């Protein structure tokens, strides 16, 4: 039964991560269609970047602590990419360069979105499998 709770926690973490990435994509789309100014867009995006990184780190740590090695390995590349961006000081969106980097930023977040959807489907699969095993 404990594994089921781990999968439920990871499910909610992944939903929160998806919401943060979709929020960032919406801010970039609003900027692209001129509904919002660059300062407000970059401020909103920069406000949610660190919580996204922390949630992803916690998710990977939960998988490691609970012994779900395959899911921890799947979280590895995403976590490595975030740590690399953070240590090279490229994790925040610059208000003066946001228009020049708009296409790259959107592509980066779309890749993150698809990767998180993949992790979500894996998490749902393992949750259902665990529930069926507990039921027997």
Protein backbone atom coordinates (compact mmCIF):
# COMPACT_ATOMS: atom_id res chain seq x y z
CA UNK A 1 0.00 0.00 0.00
CA UNK A 2 2.97 2.30 0.59
CA UNK A 3 3.96 2.14 -3.08
CA UNK A 4 0.52 3.33 -4.07
CA UNK A 5 0.96 6.44 -1.92
CA UNK A 6 4.34 7.09 -3.53
CA UNK A 7 2.76 6.92 -6.98
CA UNK A 8 -0.05 9.23 -5.89
CA UNK A 9 2.46 11.75 -4.56
CA UNK A 10 4.49 11.54 -7.76
CA UNK A 11 1.27 11.96 -9.77
CA UNK A 12 0.44 15.21 -7.97
CA UNK A 13 4.04 16.43 -8.27
CA UNK A 14 3.93 15.79 -12.02
CA UNK A 15 0.59 17.58 -12.34
CA UNK A 16 2.08 20.58 -10.51
CA UNK A 17 5.13 20.53 -12.79
CA UNK A 18 2.90 20.36 -15.85
CA UNK A 19 0.90 23.34 -14.57
CA UNK A 20 4.09 25.37 -14.07
CA UNK A 21 5.39 24.60 -17.56
CA UNK A 22 2.00 25.30 -19.17
CA UNK A 23 1.88 28.62 -17.28
CA UNK A 24 5.29 29.53 -18.69
CA UNK A 25 4.14 28.60 -22.19
CA UNK A 26 1.02 30.72 -21.79
CA UNK A 27 3.14 33.71 -20.72
CA UNK A 28 5.34 33.25 -23.79
CA UNK A 29 2.30 32.93 -26.05
CA UNK A 30 0.77 36.07 -24.53
CA UNK A 31 4.03 37.89 -25.21
CA UNK A 32 4.17 36.59 -28.77
CA UNK A 33 0.65 37.85 -29.50
CA UNK A 34 1.35 41.14 -27.74
CA UNK A 35 -1.16 40.69 -24.92
CA UNK A 36 1.48 41.34 -22.28
CA UNK A 37 4.64 43.42 -22.12
CA UNK A 38 8.11 41.80 -21.91
CA UNK A 39 8.74 42.91 -18.34
CA UNK A 40 5.56 41.34 -16.97
CA UNK A 41 6.09 38.17 -18.98
CA UNK A 42 9.66 37.65 -17.84
CA UNK A 43 8.72 38.47 -14.23
CA UNK A 44 5.93 35.89 -14.24
CA UNK A 45 8.12 33.22 -15.83
CA UNK A 46 11.09 33.89 -13.54
CA UNK A 47 8.82 33.64 -10.49
CA UNK A 48 7.95 29.99 -11.23
CA UNK A 49 11.29 28.68 -12.50
CA UNK A 50 12.83 27.89 -9.11
CA UNK A 51 9.69 26.13 -7.79
CA UNK A 52 9.75 24.03 -10.97
CA UNK A 53 13.38 23.06 -10.36
CA UNK A 54 12.74 22.30 -6.68
CA UNK A 55 9.69 20.15 -7.46
CA UNK A 56 11.63 18.18 -10.06
CA UNK A 57 14.49 17.67 -7.60
CA UNK A 58 12.08 16.49 -4.90
CA UNK A 59 10.40 14.12 -7.34
CA UNK A 60 13.73 12.56 -8.29
CA UNK A 61 14.69 12.29 -4.60
CA UNK A 62 11.37 10.59 -3.79
CA UNK A 63 11.99 8.05 -6.53
CA UNK A 64 15.51 7.41 -5.25
CA UNK A 65 14.51 7.10 -1.59
CA UNK A 66 11.62 4.75 -2.33
CA UNK A 67 13.67 2.54 -4.63
CA UNK A 68 11.94 3.30 -7.94
CA UNK A 69 15.19 3.24 -9.89
CA UNK A 70 13.76 3.33 -13.41
CA UNK A 71 11.66 6.41 -12.73
CA UNK A 72 14.64 8.04 -11.02
CA UNK A 73 16.68 7.36 -14.16
CA UNK A 74 13.94 8.89 -16.29
CA UNK A 75 14.00 12.00 -14.08
CA UNK A 76 17.78 12.23 -14.43
CA UNK A 77 18.12 14.01 -17.81
CA UNK A 78 15.48 16.61 -16.94
CA UNK A 79 17.10 17.22 -13.57
CA UNK A 80 20.57 17.40 -15.13
CA UNK A 81 19.37 19.95 -17.68
CA UNK A 82 17.82 22.11 -14.96
CA UNK A 83 20.96 21.94 -12.80
CA UNK A 84 23.12 22.82 -15.81
CA UNK A 85 20.96 25.85 -16.60
CA UNK A 86 20.99 26.94 -12.96
CA UNK A 87 24.74 26.59 -12.45
CA UNK A 88 25.54 28.44 -15.68
CA UNK A 89 23.12 31.25 -14.65
CA UNK A 90 20.95 30.75 -17.76
CA UNK A 91 17.80 29.68 -15.94
CA UNK A 92 16.12 33.09 -15.78
CA UNK A 93 14.48 34.84 -18.72
CA UNK A 94 16.12 38.17 -19.54
CA UNK A 95 13.63 40.97 -20.14
CA UNK A 96 15.86 42.62 -22.76
CA UNK A 97 16.43 39.44 -24.76
CA UNK A 98 13.04 37.79 -24.45
CA UNK A 99 11.90 38.68 -27.97
CA UNK A 100 15.14 37.40 -29.51
CA UNK A 101 14.95 34.17 -27.51
CA UNK A 102 11.18 33.64 -27.77
CA UNK A 103 11.33 30.75 -30.25
CA UNK A 104 14.07 28.98 -28.27
CA UNK A 105 12.28 29.47 -24.95
CA UNK A 106 9.01 28.12 -26.34
CA UNK A 107 10.75 25.10 -27.86
CA UNK A 108 12.54 24.41 -24.58
CA UNK A 109 9.30 24.49 -22.60
CA UNK A 110 7.44 22.39 -25.17
CA UNK A 111 10.13 19.74 -24.85
CA UNK A 112 9.79 19.90 -21.06
CA UNK A 113 6.01 19.58 -21.43
CA UNK A 114 6.22 16.46 -23.59
CA UNK A 115 8.83 14.94 -21.29
CA UNK A 116 6.63 15.54 -18.24
CA UNK A 117 3.60 14.06 -20.02
CA UNK A 118 5.71 10.97 -20.73
CA UNK A 119 6.67 10.76 -17.03
CA UNK A 120 3.02 11.25 -16.06
CA UNK A 121 1.90 8.36 -18.24
CA UNK A 122 4.61 6.15 -16.76
CA UNK A 123 3.56 7.17 -13.27
CA UNK A 124 -0.10 6.39 -14.01
CA UNK A 125 0.90 3.02 -15.46
CA UNK A 126 2.92 2.10 -12.37
CA UNK A 127 0.15 3.39 -10.09
CA UNK A 128 -2.45 1.18 -11.80
CA UNK A 129 -0.08 -1.79 -11.77
CA UNK A 130 0.60 -1.31 -8.06
CA UNK A 131 -3.12 -0.98 -7.27
CA UNK A 132 -3.85 -4.21 -9.15
CA UNK A 133 -1.07 -6.03 -7.32
CA UNK A 134 -2.34 -4.78 -3.95
CA UNK A 135 -5.86 -5.86 -4.85
CA UNK A 136 -4.82 -9.47 -5.47
